[in-house]
Amino acid sequence: MAGPLAGVRILDCTTVVLGPWAAQQLGDLGADVIKIEPPEGDTTRQLGPARHPGMAAFYLGCNRSKRSIVLDLKQESGRAALFKLAETADVLMHNYRPDPAKRLGVEYEAFEKINPRLVYLATYGYRSAGPMGAKAAYDDIIQAGSGLASLQAVVAGQPRFLPTIVADKTSSNGVVSAVLAALFARERTGLGQAVEVPMFETLVSFVMVEHLYGESFRPALETAGYKRVLNKERRPYPSKDGYLTRWRICSSTRSSRRPASGRKSSIRPRDGCACPTSRRASARPSPRSRACSRGSASTVSKCCARPALPPAKSTPC
C-alpha cells in the first residue's frame, strides 16, 4: 500500500543525523527520497560497527527508505546534475551553512528560478540572520546552549549531556513538520517556499515549553523551571526485580504505579499495613498502620515496603 507521501520526490543533500533522519521519516511515509552524497560519502557511513564497508550502524539508522546518488557539488557538472534533478523535485533539503551554500551556488533563489513549486528546506545550527548564523553546531553544543545540560545539574549535581542525540532528533521532527506544512501550503498556493529550521532555536523552544514557567510573565510571577520535573525524587525506584515508577494524580485522587522495566513489580506491603493500596491489610491494623491509612505519603513510607505508594485518598492539589 502506498504511503500518504507517494508521488512526492525529495532531494536529500543533508548529512550526519538531523537532516537524514528527517528525510528517512518522510521516506517511510511514502516519499521518493534521493540521498545526494559527496564522493567521500556521508560521514556516518564509517560511524559504528558495520557488516559491510560504508554501511555502518549509524548510517543505517538514518538512511532507510532512500535511493542514493553521488554528486560533487564543488564541480560544475555536479551542480548541473543537481539542478536538473530539482526541475521535477518537490522538496530539496540541505544542511550547508548560509555562506557555504552561497559559495556553492545552491541558495534558494537559484532553485526558485527553475522550479517555483520547490520547497527548499535548509537546516542550520543557528538562525541564519542571527548573530551566530555563520557558526557550525553539533548536538553537544546545542544541548549546552539551550539549557538542557544545565537542567541535569539539578538532579545529577553537575551539568551533563543527555545520553542521546536529542538536539539532532528533536530538530529532525521540526524538519518533518516544516516540510509537511510547506507542501500543504503549496497545494493551496501552487508555489513552493524557502524554509529554515535552526537547531538552537528549535531546542530553546522545546525546553521552554515547561521551564520558562514563572518567567512567562512580566513582571515574573516565579522563577524559571518547572518544579515538579526538577524534583530530585522524581525517578524510578528500585524493587526486587528491577525498577518501578510511581506517581500521584491529585486531580482524580488516585495513585498509580507501573514497573519501569516493563515487568510486574514483586513489591508487597508489609504484614499489618492498613494502607488503602495494600492487598494484605490485616483485619486489626496496629495503631501505627491506622495512622498510615490516614496520613501523608511520608507516613506510608514508614510502614510499607519501599518504594512507598501514596495513599489512595489525597488532599486536593
C-alpha atoms as a PDB file:
ATOM      1  CA  MET A   1       0.000   0.000   0.000  1.00  0.00           C
ATOM      2  CA  ALA A   2       1.395   3.396  -0.989  1.00  0.00           C
ATOM      3  CA  GLY A   3       2.113   5.857   1.815  1.00  0.00           C
ATOM      4  CA  PRO A   4       0.490   9.297   2.125  1.00  0.00           C
ATOM      5  CA  LEU A   5       3.511  10.993   0.506  1.00  0.00           C
ATOM      6  CA  ALA A   6       3.586   8.712  -2.540  1.00  0.00           C
ATOM      7  CA  GLY A   7       4.489  10.770  -5.600  1.00  0.00           C
ATOM      8  CA  VAL A   8       6.464  13.358  -3.611  1.00  0.00           C
ATOM      9  CA  ARG A   9      10.134  13.478  -4.627  1.00  0.00           C
ATOM     10  CA  ILE A  10      12.689  14.730  -2.099  1.00  0.00           C
ATOM     11  CA  LEU A  11      16.336  15.543  -2.789  1.00  0.00           C
ATOM     12  CA  ASP A  12      18.219  14.940   0.444  1.00  0.00           C
ATOM     13  CA  CYS A  13      21.585  16.735   0.438  1.00  0.00           C
ATOM     14  CA  THR A  14      21.902  16.584   4.230  1.00  0.00           C
ATOM     15  CA  THR A  15      24.486  14.646   6.229  1.00  0.00           C
ATOM     16  CA  VAL A  16      25.001  13.147   9.691  1.00  0.00           C
ATOM     17  CA  VAL A  17      21.690  12.899  11.664  1.00  0.00           C
ATOM     18  CA  LEU A  18      19.349  15.890  11.731  1.00  0.00           C
ATOM     19  CA  GLY A  19      18.502  16.058   8.023  1.00  0.00           C
ATOM     20  CA  PRO A  20      18.974  12.377   7.142  1.00  0.00           C
ATOM     21  CA  TRP A  21      16.682  11.145   9.909  1.00  0.00           C
ATOM     22  CA  ALA A  22      14.005  13.669   8.882  1.00  0.00           C
ATOM     23  CA  ALA A  23      14.293  12.548   5.246  1.00  0.00           C
ATOM     24  CA  GLN A  24      14.061   8.932   6.368  1.00  0.00           C
ATOM     25  CA  GLN A  25      10.794   9.648   8.171  1.00  0.00           C
ATOM     26  CA  LEU A  26       9.418  11.284   5.030  1.00  0.00           C
ATOM     27  CA  GLY A  27      10.556   8.262   3.033  1.00  0.00           C
ATOM     28  CA  ASP A  28       8.788   5.959   5.467  1.00  0.00           C
ATOM     29  CA  LEU A  29       5.634   7.962   4.718  1.00  0.00           C
ATOM     30  CA  GLY A  30       5.980   7.077   1.049  1.00  0.00           C
ATOM     31  CA  ALA A  31       8.074   9.893  -0.435  1.00  0.00           C
ATOM     32  CA  ASP A  32      10.669   9.081  -3.087  1.00  0.00           C
ATOM     33  CA  VAL A  33      13.831  10.243  -1.308  1.00  0.00           C
ATOM     34  CA  ILE A  34      17.060  10.539  -3.274  1.00  0.00           C
ATOM     35  CA  LYS A  35      20.076  10.918  -0.992  1.00  0.00           C
ATOM     36  CA  ILE A  36      22.784  13.030  -2.640  1.00  0.00           C
ATOM     37  CA  GLU A  37      26.233  12.414  -1.172  1.00  0.00           C
ATOM     38  CA  PRO A  38      29.701  13.836  -1.864  1.00  0.00           C
ATOM     39  CA  PRO A  39      32.333  11.481  -3.313  1.00  0.00           C
ATOM     40  CA  GLU A  40      33.612  10.605   0.173  1.00  0.00           C
ATOM     41  CA  GLY A  41      30.081   9.753   1.348  1.00  0.00           C
ATOM     42  CA  ASP A  42      28.166  10.751   4.435  1.00  0.00           C
ATOM     43  CA  THR A  43      30.462  10.699   7.487  1.00  0.00           C
ATOM     44  CA  THR A  44      28.104   8.337   9.314  1.00  0.00           C
ATOM     45  CA  ARG A  45      28.926   5.590   6.811  1.00  0.00           C
ATOM     46  CA  GLN A  46      32.029   4.939   8.930  1.00  0.00           C
ATOM     47  CA  LEU A  47      30.465   5.536  12.350  1.00  0.00           C
ATOM     48  CA  GLY A  48      29.856   2.431  14.434  1.00  0.00           C
ATOM     49  CA  PRO A  49      30.049  -1.303  13.716  1.00  0.00           C
ATOM     50  CA  ALA A  50      29.494  -2.449  10.144  1.00  0.00           C
ATOM     51  CA  ARG A  51      28.951  -5.760   8.409  1.00  0.00           C
ATOM     52  CA  HIS A  52      29.773  -4.240   5.028  1.00  0.00           C
ATOM     53  CA  PRO A  53      32.171  -1.353   4.257  1.00  0.00           C
ATOM     54  CA  GLY A  54      30.499   2.048   4.216  1.00  0.00           C
ATOM     55  CA  MET A  55      27.304   0.707   5.796  1.00  0.00           C
ATOM     56  CA  ALA A  56      27.893   1.340   9.499  1.00  0.00           C
ATOM     57  CA  ALA A  57      25.152   1.133  12.110  1.00  0.00           C
ATOM     58  CA  PHE A  58      24.813   4.896  12.484  1.00  0.00           C
ATOM     59  CA  TYR A  59      24.281   5.352   8.753  1.00  0.00           C
ATOM     60  CA  LEU A  60      21.693   2.579   8.595  1.00  0.00           C
ATOM     61  CA  GLY A  61      19.747   4.187  11.430  1.00  0.00           C
ATOM     62  CA  CYS A  62      19.222   7.418   9.467  1.00  0.00           C
ATOM     63  CA  ASN A  63      19.030   6.404   5.815  1.00  0.00           C
ATOM     64  CA  ARG A  64      16.312   3.838   5.323  1.00  0.00           C
ATOM     65  CA  SER A  65      13.711   4.311   2.570  1.00  0.00           C
ATOM     66  CA  LYS A  66      16.069   6.161   0.211  1.00  0.00           C
ATOM     67  CA  ARG A  67      17.833   5.857  -3.108  1.00  0.00           C
ATOM     68  CA  SER A  68      21.360   7.241  -3.371  1.00  0.00           C
ATOM     69  CA  ILE A  69      23.500   9.129  -5.855  1.00  0.00           C
ATOM     70  CA  VAL A  70      26.973  10.683  -5.675  1.00  0.00           C
ATOM     71  CA  LEU A  71      27.396  14.297  -6.841  1.00  0.00           C
ATOM     72  CA  ASP A  72      30.400  16.511  -6.296  1.00  0.00           C
ATOM     73  CA  LEU A  73      28.753  19.900  -5.855  1.00  0.00           C
ATOM     74  CA  LYS A  74      32.140  21.606  -5.913  1.00  0.00           C
ATOM     75  CA  GLN A  75      32.263  20.750  -9.608  1.00  0.00           C
ATOM     76  CA  GLU A  76      30.138  22.463 -12.257  1.00  0.00           C
ATOM     77  CA  SER A  77      28.954  19.113 -13.591  1.00  0.00           C
ATOM     78  CA  GLY A  78      27.781  18.075 -10.138  1.00  0.00           C
ATOM     79  CA  ARG A  79      25.790  21.276  -9.627  1.00  0.00           C
ATOM     80  CA  ALA A  80      24.288  20.969 -13.113  1.00  0.00           C
ATOM     81  CA  ALA A  81      23.071  17.459 -12.266  1.00  0.00           C
ATOM     82  CA  LEU A  82      21.526  18.695  -9.011  1.00  0.00           C
ATOM     83  CA  PHE A  83      19.651  21.490 -10.792  1.00  0.00           C
ATOM     84  CA  LYS A  84      18.420  19.000 -13.373  1.00  0.00           C
ATOM     85  CA  LEU A  85      17.012  16.792 -10.625  1.00  0.00           C
ATOM     86  CA  ALA A  86      15.464  19.835  -8.928  1.00  0.00           C
ATOM     87  CA  GLU A  87      13.418  20.672 -12.019  1.00  0.00           C
ATOM     88  CA  THR A  88      10.980  17.867 -11.213  1.00  0.00           C
ATOM     89  CA  ALA A  89      11.518  17.559  -7.439  1.00  0.00           C
ATOM     90  CA  ASP A  90       9.054  18.641  -4.774  1.00  0.00           C
ATOM     91  CA  VAL A  91      11.488  19.204  -1.889  1.00  0.00           C
ATOM     92  CA  LEU A  92      15.202  19.908  -1.582  1.00  0.00           C
ATOM     93  CA  MET A  93      16.848  19.617   1.834  1.00  0.00           C
ATOM     94  CA  HIS A  94      20.387  20.623   2.812  1.00  0.00           C
ATOM     95  CA  ASN A  95      22.403  21.493   5.915  1.00  0.00           C
ATOM     96  CA  TYR A  96      25.052  23.748   4.387  1.00  0.00           C
ATOM     97  CA  ARG A  97      25.611  26.897   6.398  1.00  0.00           C
ATOM     98  CA  PRO A  98      24.481  30.094   4.621  1.00  0.00           C
ATOM     99  CA  ASP A  99      27.915  31.195   3.363  1.00  0.00           C
ATOM    100  CA  PRO A 100      28.989  27.782   2.025  1.00  0.00           C
ATOM    101  CA  ALA A 101      25.602  27.440   0.312  1.00  0.00           C
ATOM    102  CA  LYS A 102      26.187  30.729  -1.485  1.00  0.00           C
ATOM    103  CA  ARG A 103      29.709  29.735  -2.482  1.00  0.00           C
ATOM    104  CA  LEU A 104      28.377  26.502  -3.950  1.00  0.00           C
ATOM    105  CA  GLY A 105      25.641  28.407  -5.757  1.00  0.00           C
ATOM    106  CA  VAL A 106      22.834  26.380  -4.167  1.00  0.00           C
ATOM    107  CA  GLU A 107      20.928  29.174  -2.416  1.00  0.00           C
ATOM    108  CA  TYR A 108      17.131  29.313  -2.723  1.00  0.00           C
ATOM    109  CA  GLU A 109      16.979  31.957  -5.444  1.00  0.00           C
ATOM    110  CA  ALA A 110      18.869  29.721  -7.877  1.00  0.00           C
ATOM    111  CA  PHE A 111      16.322  26.895  -7.461  1.00  0.00           C
ATOM    112  CA  GLU A 112      13.300  29.194  -7.431  1.00  0.00           C
ATOM    113  CA  LYS A 113      14.110  30.243 -10.989  1.00  0.00           C
ATOM    114  CA  ILE A 114      13.981  26.718 -12.361  1.00  0.00           C
ATOM    115  CA  ASN A 115      11.179  25.327 -10.168  1.00  0.00           C
ATOM    116  CA  PRO A 116       8.887  27.812  -8.392  1.00  0.00           C
ATOM    117  CA  ARG A 117       6.977  24.910  -6.805  1.00  0.00           C
ATOM    118  CA  LEU A 118      10.048  23.595  -4.996  1.00  0.00           C
ATOM    119  CA  VAL A 119      10.053  23.514  -1.196  1.00  0.00           C
ATOM    120  CA  TYR A 120      13.617  24.467  -0.236  1.00  0.00           C
ATOM    121  CA  LEU A 121      14.445  23.483   3.340  1.00  0.00           C
ATOM    122  CA  ALA A 122      17.725  24.459   5.000  1.00  0.00           C
ATOM    123  CA  THR A 123      18.621  23.318   8.489  1.00  0.00           C
ATOM    124  CA  TYR A 124      21.378  25.133  10.384  1.00  0.00           C
ATOM    125  CA  GLY A 125      22.876  25.212  13.849  1.00  0.00           C
ATOM    126  CA  TYR A 126      21.583  28.751  14.404  1.00  0.00           C
ATOM    127  CA  ARG A 127      19.131  31.088  12.692  1.00  0.00           C
ATOM    128  CA  SER A 128      20.856  32.356   9.555  1.00  0.00           C
ATOM    129  CA  ALA A 129      20.026  36.012  10.246  1.00  0.00           C
ATOM    130  CA  GLY A 130      21.123  35.828  13.890  1.00  0.00           C
ATOM    131  CA  PRO A 131      24.479  36.767  15.425  1.00  0.00           C
ATOM    132  CA  MET A 132      25.688  33.135  15.353  1.00  0.00           C
ATOM    133  CA  GLY A 133      24.248  32.252  11.967  1.00  0.00           C
ATOM    134  CA  ALA A 134      27.650  31.515  10.414  1.00  0.00           C
ATOM    135  CA  LYS A 135      28.758  29.109  13.136  1.00  0.00           C
ATOM    136  CA  ALA A 136      28.688  25.337  12.962  1.00  0.00           C
ATOM    137  CA  ALA A 137      26.872  23.397  15.659  1.00  0.00           C
ATOM    138  CA  TYR A 138      26.740  19.869  16.985  1.00  0.00           C
ATOM    139  CA  ASP A 139      24.400  18.093  19.353  1.00  0.00           C
ATOM    140  CA  ASP A 140      26.502  18.669  22.489  1.00  0.00           C
ATOM    141  CA  ILE A 141      26.884  22.375  21.700  1.00  0.00           C
ATOM    142  CA  ILE A 142      23.127  22.793  21.298  1.00  0.00           C
ATOM    143  CA  GLN A 143      22.359  20.777  24.439  1.00  0.00           C
ATOM    144  CA  ALA A 144      24.643  23.156  26.347  1.00  0.00           C
ATOM    145  CA  GLY A 145      23.399  26.350  24.729  1.00  0.00           C
ATOM    146  CA  SER A 146      19.716  25.514  25.071  1.00  0.00           C
ATOM    147  CA  GLY A 147      19.978  24.764  28.793  1.00  0.00           C
ATOM    148  CA  LEU A 148      19.418  21.015  28.610  1.00  0.00           C
ATOM    149  CA  ALA A 149      22.845  20.246  30.077  1.00  0.00           C
ATOM    150  CA  SER A 150      22.322  22.712  32.937  1.00  0.00           C
ATOM    151  CA  LEU A 151      18.999  21.125  33.816  1.00  0.00           C
ATOM    152  CA  GLN A 152      20.817  17.869  34.562  1.00  0.00           C
ATOM    153  CA  ALA A 153      22.765  19.621  37.310  1.00  0.00           C
ATOM    154  CA  VAL A 154      19.597  19.789  39.392  1.00  0.00           C
ATOM    155  CA  VAL A 155      19.396  16.007  39.657  1.00  0.00           C
ATOM    156  CA  ALA A 156      22.964  14.906  38.829  1.00  0.00           C
ATOM    157  CA  GLY A 157      24.891  17.546  40.784  1.00  0.00           C
ATOM    158  CA  GLN A 158      26.659  18.928  37.726  1.00  0.00           C
ATOM    159  CA  PRO A 159      25.783  19.734  34.104  1.00  0.00           C
ATOM    160  CA  ARG A 160      25.564  16.612  31.976  1.00  0.00           C
ATOM    161  CA  PHE A 161      24.564  15.823  28.410  1.00  0.00           C
ATOM    162  CA  LEU A 162      21.575  13.585  27.848  1.00  0.00           C
ATOM    163  CA  PRO A 163      22.802  10.161  26.657  1.00  0.00           C
ATOM    164  CA  THR A 164      21.007  10.543  23.347  1.00  0.00           C
ATOM    165  CA  ILE A 165      21.406  12.997  20.472  1.00  0.00           C
ATOM    166  CA  VAL A 166      18.273  14.838  21.495  1.00  0.00           C
ATOM    167  CA  ALA A 167      19.131  18.128  19.765  1.00  0.00           C
ATOM    168  CA  ASP A 168      19.535  16.461  16.391  1.00  0.00           C
ATOM    169  CA  LYS A 169      16.466  14.257  16.683  1.00  0.00           C
ATOM    170  CA  THR A 170      14.165  16.916  18.107  1.00  0.00           C
ATOM    171  CA  SER A 171      15.177  19.256  15.286  1.00  0.00           C
ATOM    172  CA  SER A 172      14.563  16.394  12.814  1.00  0.00           C
ATOM    173  CA  ASN A 173      10.947  16.278  13.894  1.00  0.00           C
ATOM    174  CA  GLY A 174      10.792  20.025  13.345  1.00  0.00           C
ATOM    175  CA  VAL A 175      12.063  19.494   9.791  1.00  0.00           C
ATOM    176  CA  VAL A 176       9.387  16.882   9.109  1.00  0.00           C
ATOM    177  CA  SER A 177       6.644  19.209  10.353  1.00  0.00           C
ATOM    178  CA  ALA A 178       8.023  22.115   8.321  1.00  0.00           C
ATOM    179  CA  VAL A 179       8.196  20.085   5.105  1.00  0.00           C
ATOM    180  CA  LEU A 180       4.655  18.789   5.507  1.00  0.00           C
ATOM    181  CA  ALA A 181       3.330  22.288   6.232  1.00  0.00           C
ATOM    182  CA  ALA A 182       5.142  23.755   3.202  1.00  0.00           C
ATOM    183  CA  LEU A 183       3.781  21.011   0.935  1.00  0.00           C
ATOM    184  CA  PHE A 184       0.270  21.694   2.212  1.00  0.00           C
ATOM    185  CA  ALA A 185       0.722  25.434   1.580  1.00  0.00           C
ATOM    186  CA  ARG A 186       1.842  24.634  -1.954  1.00  0.00           C
ATOM    187  CA  GLU A 187      -1.382  22.736  -2.576  1.00  0.00           C
ATOM    188  CA  ARG A 188      -3.270  25.944  -1.814  1.00  0.00           C
ATOM    189  CA  THR A 189      -0.993  28.485  -3.497  1.00  0.00           C
ATOM    190  CA  GLY A 190       0.762  26.492  -6.208  1.00  0.00           C
ATOM    191  CA  LEU A 191       4.104  27.879  -5.019  1.00  0.00           C
ATOM    192  CA  GLY A 192       6.996  26.500  -3.045  1.00  0.00           C
ATOM    193  CA  GLN A 193       8.956  28.447  -0.460  1.00  0.00           C
ATOM    194  CA  ALA A 194      12.212  28.625   1.469  1.00  0.00           C
ATOM    195  CA  VAL A 195      12.040  27.144   4.956  1.00  0.00           C
ATOM    196  CA  GLU A 196      14.666  27.308   7.708  1.00  0.00           C
ATOM    197  CA  VAL A 197      14.908  25.020  10.744  1.00  0.00           C
ATOM    198  CA  PRO A 198      17.732  26.062  13.149  1.00  0.00           C
ATOM    199  CA  MET A 199      18.770  23.617  15.875  1.00  0.00           C
ATOM    200  CA  PHE A 200      19.400  26.160  18.630  1.00  0.00           C
ATOM    201  CA  GLU A 201      16.109  27.996  18.374  1.00  0.00           C
ATOM    202  CA  THR A 202      14.226  24.699  17.999  1.00  0.00           C
ATOM    203  CA  LEU A 203      15.742  23.295  21.197  1.00  0.00           C
ATOM    204  CA  VAL A 204      15.254  26.510  23.179  1.00  0.00           C
ATOM    205  CA  SER A 205      11.586  26.396  22.241  1.00  0.00           C
ATOM    206  CA  PHE A 206      11.496  22.716  23.235  1.00  0.00           C
ATOM    207  CA  VAL A 207      12.998  23.381  26.679  1.00  0.00           C
ATOM    208  CA  MET A 208      10.964  26.495  27.424  1.00  0.00           C
ATOM    209  CA  VAL A 209       7.592  24.805  26.966  1.00  0.00           C
ATOM    210  CA  GLU A 210       7.611  23.992  30.688  1.00  0.00           C
ATOM    211  CA  HIS A 211      10.758  25.630  32.021  1.00  0.00           C
ATOM    212  CA  LEU A 212      10.021  29.255  31.169  1.00  0.00           C
ATOM    213  CA  TYR A 213       7.425  28.833  33.920  1.00  0.00           C
ATOM    214  CA  GLY A 214       7.140  31.944  36.113  1.00  0.00           C
ATOM    215  CA  GLU A 215       9.258  33.941  33.675  1.00  0.00           C
ATOM    216  CA  SER A 216       6.414  33.648  31.147  1.00  0.00           C
ATOM    217  CA  PHE A 217       5.068  36.831  32.724  1.00  0.00           C
ATOM    218  CA  ARG A 218       6.356  40.383  33.173  1.00  0.00           C
ATOM    219  CA  PRO A 219       6.981  41.007  35.948  1.00  0.00           C
ATOM    220  CA  ALA A 220       7.853  37.377  36.654  1.00  0.00           C
ATOM    221  CA  LEU A 221       5.426  35.521  38.912  1.00  0.00           C
ATOM    222  CA  GLU A 222       8.037  32.950  39.916  1.00  0.00           C
ATOM    223  CA  THR A 223      11.479  31.712  38.915  1.00  0.00           C
ATOM    224  CA  ALA A 224      12.030  29.706  35.746  1.00  0.00           C
ATOM    225  CA  GLY A 225      11.943  25.913  35.905  1.00  0.00           C
ATOM    226  CA  TYR A 226       9.027  23.509  36.250  1.00  0.00           C
ATOM    227  CA  LYS A 227       9.455  22.424  39.844  1.00  0.00           C
ATOM    228  CA  ARG A 228       7.816  19.008  39.634  1.00  0.00           C
ATOM    229  CA  VAL A 229      10.180  17.650  36.979  1.00  0.00           C
ATOM    230  CA  LEU A 230      13.192  19.230  38.700  1.00  0.00           C
ATOM    231  CA  ASN A 231      12.498  17.368  41.948  1.00  0.00           C
ATOM    232  CA  LYS A 232      15.390  15.014  42.765  1.00  0.00           C
ATOM    233  CA  GLU A 233      12.929  12.374  43.952  1.00  0.00           C
ATOM    234  CA  ARG A 234      11.296  12.192  40.520  1.00  0.00           C
ATOM    235  CA  ARG A 235      12.971   8.978  39.419  1.00  0.00           C
ATOM    236  CA  PRO A 236      12.410   5.236  39.116  1.00  0.00           C
ATOM    237  CA  TYR A 237      12.649   3.376  42.441  1.00  0.00           C
ATOM    238  CA  PRO A 238      14.375   0.021  42.966  1.00  0.00           C
ATOM    239  CA  SER A 239      12.389  -3.126  43.657  1.00  0.00           C
ATOM    240  CA  LYS A 240      13.390  -6.774  43.997  1.00  0.00           C
ATOM    241  CA  ASP A 241      13.356  -7.436  40.265  1.00  0.00           C
ATOM    242  CA  GLY A 242      14.036  -4.082  38.629  1.00  0.00           C
ATOM    243  CA  TYR A 243      12.789  -0.530  38.914  1.00  0.00           C
ATOM    244  CA  LEU A 244       9.292   0.874  39.063  1.00  0.00           C
ATOM    245  CA  THR A 245       7.775   4.277  38.515  1.00  0.00           C
ATOM    246  CA  ARG A 246       5.242   5.811  40.842  1.00  0.00           C
ATOM    247  CA  TRP A 247       3.217   8.964  40.533  1.00  0.00           C
ATOM    248  CA  ARG A 248       0.312  10.715  42.158  1.00  0.00           C
ATOM    249  CA  ILE A 249      -2.681  12.044  40.248  1.00  0.00           C
ATOM    250  CA  CYS A 250      -4.151  14.673  42.513  1.00  0.00           C
ATOM    251  CA  SER A 251      -6.959  15.801  40.248  1.00  0.00           C
ATOM    252  CA  SER A 252      -8.616  12.394  40.345  1.00  0.00           C
ATOM    253  CA  THR A 253      -7.414  11.490  43.868  1.00  0.00           C
ATOM    254  CA  ARG A 254      -5.909   8.254  42.596  1.00  0.00           C
ATOM    255  CA  SER A 255      -2.412   6.854  42.863  1.00  0.00           C
ATOM    256  CA  SER A 256      -0.823   4.595  40.297  1.00  0.00           C
ATOM    257  CA  ARG A 257       2.358   2.641  39.739  1.00  0.00           C
ATOM    258  CA  ARG A 258       3.979   0.993  36.753  1.00  0.00           C
ATOM    259  CA  PRO A 259       7.140  -1.104  36.546  1.00  0.00           C
ATOM    260  CA  ALA A 260       9.795   0.991  34.806  1.00  0.00           C
ATOM    261  CA  SER A 261      11.296  -2.198  33.389  1.00  0.00           C
ATOM    262  CA  GLY A 262       8.008  -3.332  31.855  1.00  0.00           C
ATOM    263  CA  ARG A 263       7.719  -6.213  34.347  1.00  0.00           C
ATOM    264  CA  LYS A 264       5.225  -6.671  37.140  1.00  0.00           C
ATOM    265  CA  SER A 265       6.690  -5.470  40.405  1.00  0.00           C
ATOM    266  CA  SER A 266       7.349  -8.007  43.148  1.00  0.00           C
ATOM    267  CA  ILE A 267       6.963  -5.434  45.942  1.00  0.00           C
ATOM    268  CA  ARG A 268       4.404  -6.346  48.592  1.00  0.00           C
ATOM    269  CA  PRO A 269       3.330  -4.300  51.628  1.00  0.00           C
ATOM    270  CA  ARG A 270       4.480  -5.497  54.992  1.00  0.00           C
ATOM    271  CA  ASP A 271       2.114  -7.576  57.118  1.00  0.00           C
ATOM    272  CA  GLY A 272      -0.169  -5.486  59.263  1.00  0.00           C
ATOM    273  CA  CYS A 273      -0.067  -2.458  56.978  1.00  0.00           C
ATOM    274  CA  ALA A 274      -3.522  -0.940  56.528  1.00  0.00           C
ATOM    275  CA  CYS A 275      -2.648   1.319  53.619  1.00  0.00           C
ATOM    276  CA  PRO A 276      -5.595   1.546  51.195  1.00  0.00           C
ATOM    277  CA  THR A 277      -3.204   0.296  48.488  1.00  0.00           C
ATOM    278  CA  SER A 278      -2.344  -2.875  50.399  1.00  0.00           C
ATOM    279  CA  ARG A 279      -3.863  -6.158  49.274  1.00  0.00           C
ATOM    280  CA  ARG A 280      -2.866  -7.767  52.540  1.00  0.00           C
ATOM    281  CA  ALA A 281      -4.185  -5.260  55.049  1.00  0.00           C
ATOM    282  CA  SER A 282      -4.835  -7.045  58.317  1.00  0.00           C
ATOM    283  CA  ALA A 283      -8.269  -7.139  59.855  1.00  0.00           C
ATOM    284  CA  ARG A 284      -6.921  -5.485  63.008  1.00  0.00           C
ATOM    285  CA  PRO A 285      -4.294  -2.988  61.964  1.00  0.00           C
ATOM    286  CA  SER A 286      -1.893  -1.676  64.552  1.00  0.00           C
ATOM    287  CA  PRO A 287      -2.086   1.968  65.718  1.00  0.00           C
ATOM    288  CA  ARG A 288       0.905   2.668  63.507  1.00  0.00           C
ATOM    289  CA  SER A 289      -0.785   1.191  60.430  1.00  0.00           C
ATOM    290  CA  ARG A 290      -4.029   3.056  61.198  1.00  0.00           C
ATOM    291  CA  ALA A 291      -2.014   6.250  61.131  1.00  0.00           C
ATOM    292  CA  CYS A 292      -0.706   5.130  57.771  1.00  0.00           C
ATOM    293  CA  SER A 293      -4.206   4.971  56.272  1.00  0.00           C
ATOM    294  CA  ARG A 294      -4.932   8.492  57.453  1.00  0.00           C
ATOM    295  CA  GLY A 295      -1.534  10.041  56.979  1.00  0.00           C
ATOM    296  CA  SER A 296       0.579  11.518  54.264  1.00  0.00           C
ATOM    297  CA  ALA A 297       2.742   9.819  51.705  1.00  0.00           C
ATOM    298  CA  SER A 298       5.714  10.221  54.039  1.00  0.00           C
ATOM    299  CA  THR A 299       3.814   8.254  56.708  1.00  0.00           C
ATOM    300  CA  VAL A 300       3.105   5.493  54.248  1.00  0.00           C
ATOM    301  CA  SER A 301       6.813   5.107  53.536  1.00  0.00           C
ATOM    302  CA  LYS A 302       7.420   4.264  57.217  1.00  0.00           C
ATOM    303  CA  CYS A 303       5.062   1.299  57.369  1.00  0.00           C
ATOM    304  CA  CYS A 304       5.046  -0.051  53.814  1.00  0.00           C
ATOM    305  CA  ALA A 305       7.687  -1.809  51.774  1.00  0.00           C
ATOM    306  CA  ARG A 306       9.754   0.707  49.843  1.00  0.00           C
ATOM    307  CA  PRO A 307       9.273   2.286  47.406  1.00  0.00           C
ATOM    308  CA  ALA A 308       6.200   3.578  49.184  1.00  0.00           C
ATOM    309  CA  LEU A 309       2.982   4.413  47.419  1.00  0.00           C
ATOM    310  CA  PRO A 310       0.922   7.455  48.356  1.00  0.00           C
ATOM    311  CA  PRO A 311      -2.461   6.741  49.964  1.00  0.00           C
ATOM    312  CA  ALA A 312      -5.424   6.305  47.653  1.00  0.00           C
ATOM    313  CA  LYS A 313      -7.078   9.427  49.021  1.00  0.00           C
ATOM    314  CA  SER A 314      -5.197  12.657  48.874  1.00  0.00           C
ATOM    315  CA  THR A 315      -5.857  16.251  49.671  1.00  0.00           C
ATOM    316  CA  PRO A 316      -6.818  18.474  46.714  1.00  0.00           C
ATOM    317  CA  CYS A 317      -3.892  19.934  44.761  1.00  0.00           C
END
